[in-house]
C-alpha atoms as a PDB file:
ATOM      1  CA  MET A   1     359.917 262.168  18.168  1.00  0.00           C
ATOM      2  CA  ASP A   2     361.648 264.056  20.869  1.00  0.00           C
ATOM      3  CA  THR A   3     360.963 262.878  24.377  1.00  0.00           C
ATOM      4  CA  GLU A   4     361.595 264.719  27.597  1.00  0.00           C
ATOM      5  CA  THR A   5     363.771 263.394  30.156  1.00  0.00           C
ATOM      6  CA  PRO A   6     361.731 262.814  33.357  1.00  0.00           C
ATOM      7  CA  LYS A   7     362.350 265.074  36.346  1.00  0.00           C
ATOM      8  CA  PRO A   8     363.616 263.185  39.532  1.00  0.00           C
ATOM      9  CA  ALA A   9     361.314 263.002  42.217  1.00  0.00           C
ATOM     10  CA  PRO A  10     361.339 265.847  44.733  1.00  0.00           C
ATOM     11  CA  LEU A  11     362.421 263.501  47.506  1.00  0.00           C
ATOM     12  CA  LEU A  12     365.150 260.729  47.498  1.00  0.00           C
ATOM     13  CA  PRO A  13     363.674 257.194  47.489  1.00  0.00           C
ATOM     14  CA  GLU A  14     363.425 255.742  50.999  1.00  0.00           C
ATOM     15  CA  ARG A  15     365.983 253.219  50.777  1.00  0.00           C
ATOM     16  CA  HIS A  16     365.551 251.793  54.344  1.00  0.00           C
ATOM     17  CA  PRO A  17     361.956 252.330  55.485  1.00  0.00           C
ATOM     18  CA  GLN A  18     361.897 253.627  59.051  1.00  0.00           C
ATOM     19  CA  HIS A  19     359.155 254.908  61.057  1.00  0.00           C
ATOM     20  CA  ASP A  20     360.555 256.843  63.738  1.00  0.00           C
ATOM     21  CA  LEU A  21     361.186 260.543  64.003  1.00  0.00           C
ATOM     22  CA  PHE A  22     364.669 261.729  64.362  1.00  0.00           C
ATOM     23  CA  ILE A  23     366.058 264.083  67.005  1.00  0.00           C
ATOM     24  CA  CYS A  24     367.308 267.257  65.901  1.00  0.00           C
ATOM     25  CA  ASP A  25     370.878 268.443  66.618  1.00  0.00           C
ATOM     26  CA  VAL A  26     371.946 271.370  68.647  1.00  0.00           C
ATOM     27  CA  GLY A  27     372.147 273.799  65.640  1.00  0.00           C
ATOM     28  CA  ASP A  28     368.514 273.500  65.004  1.00  0.00           C
ATOM     29  CA  ALA A  29     367.147 274.290  68.650  1.00  0.00           C
ATOM     30  CA  VAL A  30     369.334 275.843  71.198  1.00  0.00           C
ATOM     31  CA  LEU A  31     367.880 278.466  73.535  1.00  0.00           C
ATOM     32  CA  LYS A  32     364.521 279.188  72.119  1.00  0.00           C
ATOM     33  CA  ASP A  33     363.859 281.657  74.559  1.00  0.00           C
ATOM     34  CA  VAL A  34     366.749 283.790  73.393  1.00  0.00           C
ATOM     35  CA  MET A  35     368.527 284.166  69.960  1.00  0.00           C
ATOM     36  CA  PRO A  36     369.183 280.666  68.910  1.00  0.00           C
ATOM     37  CA  GLN A  37     372.293 279.570  67.383  1.00  0.00           C
ATOM     38  CA  MET A  38     370.554 278.542  64.261  1.00  0.00           C
ATOM     39  CA  GLU A  39     370.755 282.291  63.510  1.00  0.00           C
ATOM     40  CA  HIS A  40     374.082 281.373  62.293  1.00  0.00           C
ATOM     41  CA  PRO A  41     374.819 278.400  59.823  1.00  0.00           C
ATOM     42  CA  PHE A  42     377.463 276.058  61.150  1.00  0.00           C
ATOM     43  CA  TYR A  43     377.721 273.866  57.998  1.00  0.00           C
ATOM     44  CA  SER A  44     378.760 274.260  54.318  1.00  0.00           C
ATOM     45  CA  LEU A  45     376.050 273.958  51.790  1.00  0.00           C
ATOM     46  CA  THR A  46     378.169 272.504  49.085  1.00  0.00           C
ATOM     47  CA  LYS A  47     379.845 269.136  48.592  1.00  0.00           C
ATOM     48  CA  LYS A  48     382.962 270.992  47.103  1.00  0.00           C
ATOM     49  CA  PRO A  49     385.732 271.448  49.526  1.00  0.00           C
ATOM     50  CA  ASP A  50     385.389 274.676  51.253  1.00  0.00           C
ATOM     51  CA  THR A  51     388.422 276.015  53.071  1.00  0.00           C
ATOM     52  CA  SER A  52     387.330 279.516  53.849  1.00  0.00           C
ATOM     53  CA  ILE A  53     386.940 280.993  57.261  1.00  0.00           C
ATOM     54  CA  ARG A  54     383.338 282.141  58.050  1.00  0.00           C
ATOM     55  CA  ARG A  55     382.318 284.730  60.605  1.00  0.00           C
ATOM     56  CA  TYR A  56     378.549 285.668  61.469  1.00  0.00           C
ATOM     57  CA  GLU A  57     377.356 287.991  63.854  1.00  0.00           C
ATOM     58  CA  HIS A  58     373.851 289.040  65.164  1.00  0.00           C
ATOM     59  CA  ASN A  59     372.647 290.986  68.143  1.00  0.00           C
ATOM     60  CA  GLY A  60     375.783 290.544  70.010  1.00  0.00           C
ATOM     61  CA  GLN A  61     376.117 286.764  69.244  1.00  0.00           C
ATOM     62  CA  TRP A  62     379.096 285.616  66.997  1.00  0.00           C
ATOM     63  CA  LEU A  63     380.271 282.512  65.369  1.00  0.00           C
ATOM     64  CA  GLU A  64     383.576 281.867  63.672  1.00  0.00           C
ATOM     65  CA  ILE A  65     384.101 278.596  61.785  1.00  0.00           C
ATOM     66  CA  THR A  66     387.631 277.556  60.675  1.00  0.00           C
ATOM     67  CA  PRO A  67     387.952 274.303  58.389  1.00  0.00           C
ATOM     68  CA  SER A  68     390.812 272.130  57.918  1.00  0.00           C
ATOM     69  CA  VAL A  69     392.604 271.619  54.750  1.00  0.00           C
ATOM     70  CA  LYS A  70     390.000 268.978  53.899  1.00  0.00           C
ATOM     71  CA  GLY A  71     387.247 271.615  54.087  1.00  0.00           C
ATOM     72  CA  LEU A  72     384.342 272.776  56.251  1.00  0.00           C
ATOM     73  CA  ALA A  73     382.060 270.152  57.638  1.00  0.00           C
ATOM     74  CA  THR A  74     378.925 269.958  55.396  1.00  0.00           C
ATOM     75  CA  ILE A  75     375.344 269.666  56.077  1.00  0.00           C
ATOM     76  CA  TYR A  76     375.565 266.017  54.932  1.00  0.00           C
ATOM     77  CA  ASP A  77     378.467 265.440  57.314  1.00  0.00           C
ATOM     78  CA  LYS A  78     376.045 266.692  60.113  1.00  0.00           C
ATOM     79  CA  ASP A  79     373.976 263.348  59.675  1.00  0.00           C
ATOM     80  CA  ILE A  80     376.730 261.764  62.033  1.00  0.00           C
ATOM     81  CA  LEU A  81     375.870 264.223  64.744  1.00  0.00           C
ATOM     82  CA  ILE A  82     372.302 263.935  64.335  1.00  0.00           C
ATOM     83  CA  TYR A  83     372.745 260.030  64.785  1.00  0.00           C
ATOM     84  CA  CYS A  84     374.932 260.474  68.015  1.00  0.00           C
ATOM     85  CA  ILE A  85     372.429 262.945  69.446  1.00  0.00           C
ATOM     86  CA  SER A  86     369.410 260.585  68.613  1.00  0.00           C
ATOM     87  CA  GLN A  87     371.285 257.587  70.370  1.00  0.00           C
ATOM     88  CA  ILE A  88     371.892 259.861  73.522  1.00  0.00           C
ATOM     89  CA  MET A  89     368.352 261.177  73.779  1.00  0.00           C
ATOM     90  CA  ALA A  90     366.975 257.600  73.561  1.00  0.00           C
ATOM     91  CA  LYS A  91     369.118 256.564  76.312  1.00  0.00           C
ATOM     92  CA  LEU A  92     368.058 259.534  78.496  1.00  0.00           C
ATOM     93  CA  LYS A  93     364.458 258.809  77.720  1.00  0.00           C
ATOM     94  CA  LYS A  94     365.047 255.304  79.013  1.00  0.00           C
ATOM     95  CA  GLY A  95     366.727 256.795  82.148  1.00  0.00           C
ATOM     96  CA  GLU A  96     370.069 255.133  81.141  1.00  0.00           C
ATOM     97  CA  ALA A  97     373.640 256.596  81.773  1.00  0.00           C
ATOM     98  CA  VAL A  98     375.116 258.649  78.905  1.00  0.00           C
ATOM     99  CA  SER A  99     378.467 260.119  78.134  1.00  0.00           C
ATOM    100  CA  LYS A 100     380.136 262.259  75.367  1.00  0.00           C
ATOM    101  CA  ARG A 101     381.445 259.258  73.732  1.00  0.00           C
ATOM    102  CA  VAL A 102     379.154 257.557  71.339  1.00  0.00           C
ATOM    103  CA  ARG A 103     379.895 254.196  69.514  1.00  0.00           C
ATOM    104  CA  ILE A 104     378.712 254.253  65.851  1.00  0.00           C
ATOM    105  CA  ASN A 105     378.154 251.051  63.891  1.00  0.00           C
ATOM    106  CA  SER A 106     378.752 252.253  60.344  1.00  0.00           C
ATOM    107  CA  ARG A 107     376.133 250.422  58.578  1.00  0.00           C
ATOM    108  CA  ASP A 108     373.564 251.432  61.169  1.00  0.00           C
ATOM    109  CA  LEU A 109     374.305 254.946  60.501  1.00  0.00           C
ATOM    110  CA  LEU A 110     374.141 254.797  56.696  1.00  0.00           C
ATOM    111  CA  VAL A 111     370.649 253.081  57.074  1.00  0.00           C
ATOM    112  CA  PHE A 112     369.558 255.674  59.622  1.00  0.00           C
ATOM    113  CA  ALA A 113     370.512 258.539  57.243  1.00  0.00           C
ATOM    114  CA  ASN A 114     368.856 256.853  54.261  1.00  0.00           C
ATOM    115  CA  ARG A 115     372.181 256.432  52.416  1.00  0.00           C
ATOM    116  CA  GLY A 116     373.550 253.448  50.329  1.00  0.00           C
ATOM    117  CA  THR A 117     375.664 250.803  51.931  1.00  0.00           C
ATOM    118  CA  ALA A 118     378.141 250.188  48.950  1.00  0.00           C
ATOM    119  CA  GLY A 119     381.976 250.618  49.476  1.00  0.00           C
ATOM    120  CA  LYS A 120     381.864 254.339  48.270  1.00  0.00           C
ATOM    121  CA  ASP A 121     379.260 255.142  50.988  1.00  0.00           C
ATOM    122  CA  TYR A 122     381.591 253.846  53.800  1.00  0.00           C
ATOM    123  CA  GLU A 123     384.516 255.892  52.262  1.00  0.00           C
ATOM    124  CA  ALA A 124     382.378 258.922  52.204  1.00  0.00           C
ATOM    125  CA  LEU A 125     381.506 258.424  55.821  1.00  0.00           C
ATOM    126  CA  ARG A 126     385.072 258.280  56.856  1.00  0.00           C
ATOM    127  CA  GLU A 127     385.686 261.543  54.959  1.00  0.00           C
ATOM    128  CA  ALA A 128     382.769 263.232  56.675  1.00  0.00           C
ATOM    129  CA  ILE A 129     384.254 262.224  60.176  1.00  0.00           C
ATOM    130  CA  GLU A 130     387.596 263.849  59.241  1.00  0.00           C
ATOM    131  CA  ARG A 131     385.861 266.956  58.133  1.00  0.00           C
ATOM    132  CA  ILE A 132     383.878 267.188  61.324  1.00  0.00           C
ATOM    133  CA  ARG A 133     386.884 266.498  63.471  1.00  0.00           C
ATOM    134  CA  GLY A 134     389.025 269.239  61.540  1.00  0.00           C
ATOM    135  CA  THR A 135     386.285 272.088  61.712  1.00  0.00           C
ATOM    136  CA  THR A 136     386.821 274.316  64.638  1.00  0.00           C
ATOM    137  CA  ILE A 137     384.550 276.852  66.048  1.00  0.00           C
ATOM    138  CA  ALA A 138     384.892 279.902  68.204  1.00  0.00           C
ATOM    139  CA  THR A 139     381.601 281.347  69.522  1.00  0.00           C
ATOM    140  CA  ASN A 140     379.947 283.207  72.465  1.00  0.00           C
ATOM    141  CA  ILE A 141     376.554 281.334  71.909  1.00  0.00           C
ATOM    142  CA  ARG A 142     375.406 279.470  75.192  1.00  0.00           C
ATOM    143  CA  THR A 143     374.411 275.897  75.387  1.00  0.00           C
ATOM    144  CA  GLY A 144     372.878 275.053  78.710  1.00  0.00           C
ATOM    145  CA  ASN A 145     374.188 277.400  81.272  1.00  0.00           C
ATOM    146  CA  GLU A 146     377.567 277.624  79.797  1.00  0.00           C
ATOM    147  CA  GLU A 147     379.164 279.996  77.349  1.00  0.00           C
ATOM    148  CA  GLN A 148     382.091 278.884  74.980  1.00  0.00           C
ATOM    149  CA  THR A 149     384.382 281.709  74.232  1.00  0.00           C
ATOM    150  CA  ASP A 150     387.281 279.650  73.087  1.00  0.00           C
ATOM    151  CA  ILE A 151     387.838 277.508  70.149  1.00  0.00           C
ATOM    152  CA  PHE A 152     386.533 273.905  70.061  1.00  0.00           C
ATOM    153  CA  GLY A 153     385.380 271.317  67.706  1.00  0.00           C
ATOM    154  CA  LEU A 154     381.885 269.722  67.316  1.00  0.00           C
ATOM    155  CA  ILE A 155     383.598 266.532  68.339  1.00  0.00           C
ATOM    156  CA  GLU A 156     386.691 266.290  70.432  1.00  0.00           C
ATOM    157  CA  SER A 157     388.077 262.891  68.997  1.00  0.00           C
ATOM    158  CA  SER A 158     387.146 259.983  66.927  1.00  0.00           C
ATOM    159  CA  SER A 159     388.567 256.394  66.782  1.00  0.00           C
ATOM    160  CA  ILE A 160     387.732 254.454  63.595  1.00  0.00           C
ATOM    161  CA  ARG A 161     387.991 250.676  63.127  1.00  0.00           C
ATOM    162  CA  HIS A 162     388.534 249.265  59.584  1.00  0.00           C
ATOM    163  CA  LYS A 163     387.983 245.669  58.327  1.00  0.00           C
ATOM    164  CA  ASN A 164     391.401 243.972  57.071  1.00  0.00           C
ATOM    165  CA  GLY A 165     393.513 246.947  58.098  1.00  0.00           C
ATOM    166  CA  LEU A 166     393.603 250.653  57.335  1.00  0.00           C
ATOM    167  CA  ASP A 167     392.697 250.325  53.670  1.00  0.00           C
ATOM    168  CA  GLY A 168     389.562 248.301  54.549  1.00  0.00           C
ATOM    169  CA  ARG A 169     385.881 249.196  54.983  1.00  0.00           C
ATOM    170  CA  LEU A 170     385.187 251.264  57.984  1.00  0.00           C
ATOM    171  CA  VAL A 171     383.237 248.975  60.327  1.00  0.00           C
ATOM    172  CA  SER A 172     382.690 251.161  63.488  1.00  0.00           C
ATOM    173  CA  CYS A 173     384.011 254.220  65.253  1.00  0.00           C
ATOM    174  CA  GLU A 174     383.678 255.932  68.324  1.00  0.00           C
ATOM    175  CA  ILE A 175     383.162 259.876  68.577  1.00  0.00           C
ATOM    176  CA  THR A 176     383.625 261.839  71.606  1.00  0.00           C
ATOM    177  CA  LEU A 177     381.223 265.034  71.324  1.00  0.00           C
ATOM    178  CA  SER A 178     382.562 268.479  72.528  1.00  0.00           C
ATOM    179  CA  ASP A 179     381.388 269.651  75.894  1.00  0.00           C
ATOM    180  CA  TRP A 180     379.570 272.521  73.996  1.00  0.00           C
ATOM    181  CA  VAL A 181     377.436 270.030  72.057  1.00  0.00           C
ATOM    182  CA  PHE A 182     376.888 267.653  74.913  1.00  0.00           C
ATOM    183  CA  ASN A 183     375.786 270.585  77.406  1.00  0.00           C
ATOM    184  CA  ALA A 184     373.010 271.330  74.825  1.00  0.00           C
ATOM    185  CA  ILE A 185     371.929 267.711  74.771  1.00  0.00           C
ATOM    186  CA  ARG A 186     371.878 267.344  78.588  1.00  0.00           C
ATOM    187  CA  SER A 187     369.841 270.660  78.811  1.00  0.00           C
ATOM    188  CA  ASN A 188     367.123 269.042  76.548  1.00  0.00           C
ATOM    189  CA  GLU A 189     367.808 271.793  73.977  1.00  0.00           C
ATOM    190  CA  VAL A 190     366.891 269.636  70.950  1.00  0.00           C
ATOM    191  CA  LEU A 191     363.949 269.342  68.658  1.00  0.00           C
ATOM    192  CA  THR A 192     362.591 266.363  66.417  1.00  0.00           C
ATOM    193  CA  LEU A 193     363.137 266.261  62.680  1.00  0.00           C
ATOM    194  CA  HIS A 194     360.589 264.636  60.086  1.00  0.00           C
ATOM    195  CA  ARG A 195     362.138 261.303  58.800  1.00  0.00           C
ATOM    196  CA  ASP A 196     361.919 262.741  55.153  1.00  0.00           C
ATOM    197  CA  TYR A 197     364.658 265.294  56.248  1.00  0.00           C
ATOM    198  CA  PHE A 198     367.178 262.640  54.969  1.00  0.00           C
ATOM    199  CA  ARG A 199     365.235 262.270  51.558  1.00  0.00           C
ATOM    200  CA  LEU A 200     365.587 265.972  50.842  1.00  0.00           C
ATOM    201  CA  ARG A 201     367.976 265.953  47.805  1.00  0.00           C
ATOM    202  CA  LYS A 202     369.505 269.529  47.959  1.00  0.00           C
ATOM    203  CA  PRO A 203     371.380 270.949  50.822  1.00  0.00           C
ATOM    204  CA  ILE A 204     369.505 274.352  50.704  1.00  0.00           C
ATOM    205  CA  GLU A 205     366.368 272.295  51.211  1.00  0.00           C
ATOM    206  CA  ARG A 206     367.833 270.667  54.339  1.00  0.00           C
ATOM    207  CA  ARG A 207     368.872 274.105  55.638  1.00  0.00           C
ATOM    208  CA  ILE A 208     365.518 275.842  54.926  1.00  0.00           C
ATOM    209  CA  TYR A 209     363.690 273.032  56.595  1.00  0.00           C
ATOM    210  CA  GLU A 210     365.878 273.491  59.580  1.00  0.00           C
ATOM    211  CA  LEU A 211     364.974 277.081  59.849  1.00  0.00           C
ATOM    212  CA  ALA A 212     361.241 276.341  59.241  1.00  0.00           C
ATOM    213  CA  ARG A 213     361.352 273.775  62.068  1.00  0.00           C
ATOM    214  CA  LYS A 214     363.122 276.197  64.440  1.00  0.00           C
ATOM    215  CA  HIS A 215     361.308 279.410  63.581  1.00  0.00           C
ATOM    216  CA  CYS A 216     358.019 278.044  62.754  1.00  0.00           C
ATOM    217  CA  GLY A 217     357.780 275.151  65.026  1.00  0.00           C
ATOM    218  CA  GLN A 218     354.240 274.353  66.077  1.00  0.00           C
ATOM    219  CA  GLN A 219     352.778 277.814  65.240  1.00  0.00           C
ATOM    220  CA  LEU A 220     350.296 277.982  62.398  1.00  0.00           C
ATOM    221  CA  SER A 221     352.725 280.032  60.270  1.00  0.00           C
ATOM    222  CA  PHE A 222     355.814 282.215  60.256  1.00  0.00           C
ATOM    223  CA  LYS A 223     356.979 284.989  57.905  1.00  0.00           C
ATOM    224  CA  ILE A 224     360.482 285.907  57.132  1.00  0.00           C
ATOM    225  CA  SER A 225     362.055 288.317  54.566  1.00  0.00           C
ATOM    226  CA  LEU A 226     364.000 286.784  51.935  1.00  0.00           C
ATOM    227  CA  ASP A 227     366.979 288.867  52.794  1.00  0.00           C
ATOM    228  CA  ILE A 228     367.161 287.328  56.317  1.00  0.00           C
ATOM    229  CA  LEU A 229     366.258 283.778  55.311  1.00  0.00           C
ATOM    230  CA  TRP A 230     369.243 284.126  52.823  1.00  0.00           C
ATOM    231  CA  LYS A 231     371.664 285.321  55.522  1.00  0.00           C
ATOM    232  CA  LYS A 232     370.472 282.539  58.078  1.00  0.00           C
ATOM    233  CA  SER A 233     370.932 279.842  55.508  1.00  0.00           C
ATOM    234  CA  GLY A 234     374.596 280.424  54.992  1.00  0.00           C
ATOM    235  CA  SER A 235     374.100 280.120  51.291  1.00  0.00           C
ATOM    236  CA  GLN A 236     377.000 281.324  49.171  1.00  0.00           C
ATOM    237  CA  SER A 237     374.951 281.646  46.162  1.00  0.00           C
ATOM    238  CA  PRO A 238     373.967 285.320  45.084  1.00  0.00           C
ATOM    239  CA  GLN A 239     370.664 286.370  46.540  1.00  0.00           C
ATOM    240  CA  LYS A 240     369.175 286.380  42.925  1.00  0.00           C
ATOM    241  CA  ARG A 241     369.701 282.525  42.814  1.00  0.00           C
ATOM    242  CA  PHE A 242     368.828 281.878  46.296  1.00  0.00           C
ATOM    243  CA  ARG A 243     365.266 283.785  45.424  1.00  0.00           C
ATOM    244  CA  GLN A 244     364.884 281.388  42.604  1.00  0.00           C
ATOM    245  CA  MET A 245     365.653 278.458  44.734  1.00  0.00           C
ATOM    246  CA  VAL A 246     363.007 279.440  47.090  1.00  0.00           C
ATOM    247  CA  ARG A 247     360.544 279.926  44.263  1.00  0.00           C
ATOM    248  CA  GLU A 248     361.359 276.385  43.129  1.00  0.00           C
ATOM    249  CA  LEU A 249     360.824 274.860  46.538  1.00  0.00           C
ATOM    250  CA  ALA A 250     357.519 276.650  46.948  1.00  0.00           C
ATOM    251  CA  ALA A 251     356.379 275.359  43.524  1.00  0.00           C
ATOM    252  CA  SER A 252     357.459 271.801  44.209  1.00  0.00           C
ATOM    253  CA  ASP A 253     355.615 271.793  47.728  1.00  0.00           C
ATOM    254  CA  HIS A 254     357.629 268.817  48.960  1.00  0.00           C
ATOM    255  CA  LEU A 255     359.513 270.248  52.135  1.00  0.00           C
ATOM    256  CA  PRO A 256     358.222 268.053  55.220  1.00  0.00           C
ATOM    257  CA  ASP A 257     355.915 269.585  57.911  1.00  0.00           C
ATOM    258  CA  TYR A 258     355.842 273.063  56.385  1.00  0.00           C
ATOM    259  CA  LEU A 259     354.200 274.408  53.294  1.00  0.00           C
ATOM    260  CA  VAL A 260     356.420 277.154  51.573  1.00  0.00           C
ATOM    261  CA  ALA A 261     354.919 280.392  49.869  1.00  0.00           C
ATOM    262  CA  PHE A 262     356.887 283.195  48.538  1.00  0.00           C
ATOM    263  CA  ASP A 263     355.376 286.610  47.676  1.00  0.00           C
ATOM    264  CA  PRO A 264     357.748 288.397  45.206  1.00  0.00           C
ATOM    265  CA  ALA A 265     355.994 291.726  45.907  1.00  0.00           C
ATOM    266  CA  SER A 266     356.968 291.864  49.475  1.00  0.00           C
ATOM    267  CA  ASP A 267     359.838 289.527  49.083  1.00  0.00           C
ATOM    268  CA  MET A 268     358.592 287.638  52.019  1.00  0.00           C
ATOM    269  CA  VAL A 269     358.763 283.823  52.593  1.00  0.00           C
ATOM    270  CA  THR A 270     355.735 282.177  54.681  1.00  0.00           C
ATOM    271  CA  PHE A 271     356.144 278.787  56.207  1.00  0.00           C
ATOM    272  CA  THR A 272     352.642 277.279  57.096  1.00  0.00           C
ATOM    273  CA  ASN A 273     352.415 274.265  59.387  1.00  0.00           C
ATOM    274  CA  ARG A 274     350.957 271.277  57.436  1.00  0.00           C
ATOM    275  CA  GLY A 275     349.627 270.019  60.644  1.00  0.00           C
ATOM    276  CA  THR A 276     352.238 267.182  61.225  1.00  0.00           C
ATOM    277  CA  MET A 277     353.757 269.591  63.712  1.00  0.00           C
ATOM    278  CA  LYS A 278     351.006 270.400  66.694  1.00  0.00           C
ATOM    279  CA  ALA A 279     349.795 273.999  65.826  1.00  0.00           C
ATOM    280  CA  SER A 280     349.237 276.816  68.194  1.00  0.00           C
ATOM    281  CA  PRO A 281     346.954 279.914  67.419  1.00  0.00           C
ATOM    282  CA  ALA A 282     349.765 282.189  67.831  1.00  0.00           C
ATOM    283  CA  VAL A 283     352.946 282.879  69.892  1.00  0.00           C
ATOM    284  CA  ALA A 284     351.312 285.400  71.910  1.00  0.00           C
ATOM    285  CA  GLU A 285     348.350 283.151  72.744  1.00  0.00           C
ATOM    286  CA  MET A 286     350.195 280.065  73.395  1.00  0.00           C
ATOM    287  CA  THR A 287     348.542 277.765  75.923  1.00  0.00           C
ATOM    288  CA  GLU A 288     350.652 275.988  78.594  1.00  0.00           C
ATOM    289  CA  PRO A 289     351.226 272.756  76.927  1.00  0.00           C
ATOM    290  CA  TRP A 290     353.047 271.198  80.001  1.00  0.00           C
ATOM    291  CA  THR A 291     350.378 271.005  82.692  1.00  0.00           C
ATOM    292  CA  GLY A 292     352.098 269.035  85.301  1.00  0.00           C
ATOM    293  CA  ARG A 293     352.259 270.472  88.999  1.00  0.00           C
ATOM    294  CA  LEU A 294     355.179 272.283  90.554  1.00  0.00           C
ATOM    295  CA  ASP A 295     355.975 272.085  94.294  1.00  0.00           C
ATOM    296  CA  PRO A 296     354.867 275.398  95.671  1.00  0.00           C
ATOM    297  CA  ASP A 297     358.297 275.552  97.526  1.00  0.00           C
ATOM    298  CA  VAL A 298     360.150 275.955  94.188  1.00  0.00           C
ATOM    299  CA  TYR A 299     358.904 279.510  93.735  1.00  0.00           C
ATOM    300  CA  GLY A 300     361.397 280.600  96.422  1.00  0.00           C
ATOM    301  CA  ASP A 301     364.362 279.035  94.573  1.00  0.00           C
ATOM    302  CA  ALA A 302     362.924 280.676  91.490  1.00  0.00           C
ATOM    303  CA  ARG A 303     362.768 284.166  92.787  1.00  0.00           C
ATOM    304  CA  ASN A 304     366.516 283.677  94.057  1.00  0.00           C
ATOM    305  CA  ALA A 305     367.546 282.707  90.697  1.00  0.00           C
ATOM    306  CA  ALA A 306     365.833 285.539  88.878  1.00  0.00           C
ATOM    307  CA  PRO A 307     365.537 288.554  91.275  1.00  0.00           C
ATOM    308  CA  ALA A 308     362.814 291.008  90.587  1.00  0.00           C
ATOM    309  CA  TRP A 309     361.114 288.892  87.929  1.00  0.00           C
ATOM    310  CA  ASP A 310     357.511 287.720  88.267  1.00  0.00           C
ATOM    311  CA  VAL A 311     357.940 284.124  88.986  1.00  0.00           C
ATOM    312  CA  HIS A 312     354.388 283.214  87.654  1.00  0.00           C
ATOM    313  CA  TYR A 313     355.288 285.035  84.286  1.00  0.00           C
ATOM    314  CA  LEU A 314     358.510 282.905  84.093  1.00  0.00           C
ATOM    315  CA  GLU A 315     356.624 279.771  84.690  1.00  0.00           C
ATOM    316  CA  HIS A 316     354.247 280.519  81.934  1.00  0.00           C
ATOM    317  CA  GLU A 317     357.339 280.977  79.639  1.00  0.00           C
ATOM    318  CA  TRP A 318     358.860 277.901  80.887  1.00  0.00           C
ATOM    319  CA  ARG A 319     355.719 275.894  80.450  1.00  0.00           C
ATOM    320  CA  ALA A 320     355.402 277.050  76.810  1.00  0.00           C
ATOM    321  CA  TRP A 321     358.998 276.442  75.928  1.00  0.00           C
ATOM    322  CA  VAL A 322     358.834 272.924  77.626  1.00  0.00           C
ATOM    323  CA  GLY A 323     355.862 272.013  75.442  1.00  0.00           C
ATOM    324  CA  GLU A 324     357.278 273.508  72.244  1.00  0.00           C
ATOM    325  CA  ALA A 325     360.482 271.533  72.699  1.00  0.00           C
ATOM    326  CA  GLU A 326     358.533 268.443  73.367  1.00  0.00           C
ATOM    327  CA  ILE A 327     360.325 267.881  76.747  1.00  0.00           C
ATOM    328  CA  GLU A 328     359.010 265.676  79.632  1.00  0.00           C
ATOM    329  CA  PRO A 329     361.139 267.048  82.588  1.00  0.00           C
ATOM    330  CA  ARG A 330     362.235 264.327  84.968  1.00  0.00           C
ATOM    331  CA  ASN A 331     362.618 266.822  87.754  1.00  0.00           C
ATOM    332  CA  PRO A 332     360.452 269.685  86.776  1.00  0.00           C
ATOM    333  CA  GLU A 333     361.388 271.836  89.809  1.00  0.00           C
ATOM    334  CA  ARG A 334     365.055 271.778  89.177  1.00  0.00           C
ATOM    335  CA  HIS A 335     364.472 272.260  85.321  1.00  0.00           C
ATOM    336  CA  PHE A 336     362.186 275.264  86.194  1.00  0.00           C
ATOM    337  CA  VAL A 337     364.900 276.785  88.501  1.00  0.00           C
ATOM    338  CA  LYS A 338     367.630 276.329  85.993  1.00  0.00           C
ATOM    339  CA  PHE A 339     365.423 277.894  83.308  1.00  0.00           C
ATOM    340  CA  CYS A 340     364.941 281.033  85.519  1.00  0.00           C
ATOM    341  CA  GLN A 341     368.652 281.127  86.305  1.00  0.00           C
ATOM    342  CA  SER A 342     369.354 281.000  82.527  1.00  0.00           C
ATOM    343  CA  TRP A 343     366.662 283.789  81.777  1.00  0.00           C
ATOM    344  CA  PHE A 344     368.131 286.273  84.515  1.00  0.00           C
ATOM    345  CA  GLU A 345     371.714 285.528  83.285  1.00  0.00           C
ATOM    346  CA  LYS A 346     370.679 286.707  79.656  1.00  0.00           C
ATOM    347  CA  ARG A 347     368.234 289.463  80.549  1.00  0.00           C
ATOM    348  CA  GLY A 348     369.240 290.679  83.844  1.00  0.00           C
ATOM    349  CA  ARG A 349     366.698 292.544  85.981  1.00  0.00           C
ATOM    350  CA  PRO A 350     363.426 293.673  84.323  1.00  0.00           C
ATOM    351  CA  SER A 351     363.520 297.325  83.000  1.00  0.00           C
END
């Protein structure tokens, strides 16, 4: 009698049980009060070497990604950056000094990213570092208060230590992040990821989760056309195949934090907050989640930073943004003034 081969579970097994949420990298949460960099995918969604140059443009923002001969950095390679940023954010939370240079224990990273710890896994990690180091980016997308318009890498340099010589197992390494990435971290432009992010089997599932986390966030739900979702995902699959993948993801119902629904009649995708992310009634009706007190003297500085804008309106926007980003500002007055300055730089005077 024929027996069907059982389908694999939607999520990878939890190889190394962990209980903390992870901090999301800069590609998932930059500048939420304007067009974020997640409009444009940074990473390849295939494990096959991709040596094509990619360029994305949207509403005046552009991004060009150039690979090395070893190919573009993949969405799995990005685990390294998530690990680095998580370390930096943990130190910032403790009030410790941080720098762009991050020391990585190879085994710790593999456990953190829910990977195996066999020899092939260490070799894959070394190759991932090489791809990230070799991928260069040109963009006008801001991080913090800076706009990068020249070519740079996601990391500036790396130093790798092997056991028993160059042919031995990768033991540890040090990575120096680019100013562009580090600026985003220092500006608290980060989000948390569900720990099951590393258990998602398919690259497209990770990418769709990132987009849901960024755009739906703490809202009850978020709708997006399949065409725009396809564009933002960076998928190289034909739209017909992408539509099928979204259908499959909706049917399996295993995306962390968000329920996915696809309406073929309207060709719209809806992400619904499962309740693991704090829900707000709607963007237009968001309460002010950060309720701390500002020194009244700050409003004069805020008016200077954003001439002609209503500083109380900006305060409302800032409080909502701080709450959504899960930021606890150590110096609220300074943080608010920087927000006003950035707001004015991007929007100018109100019309």
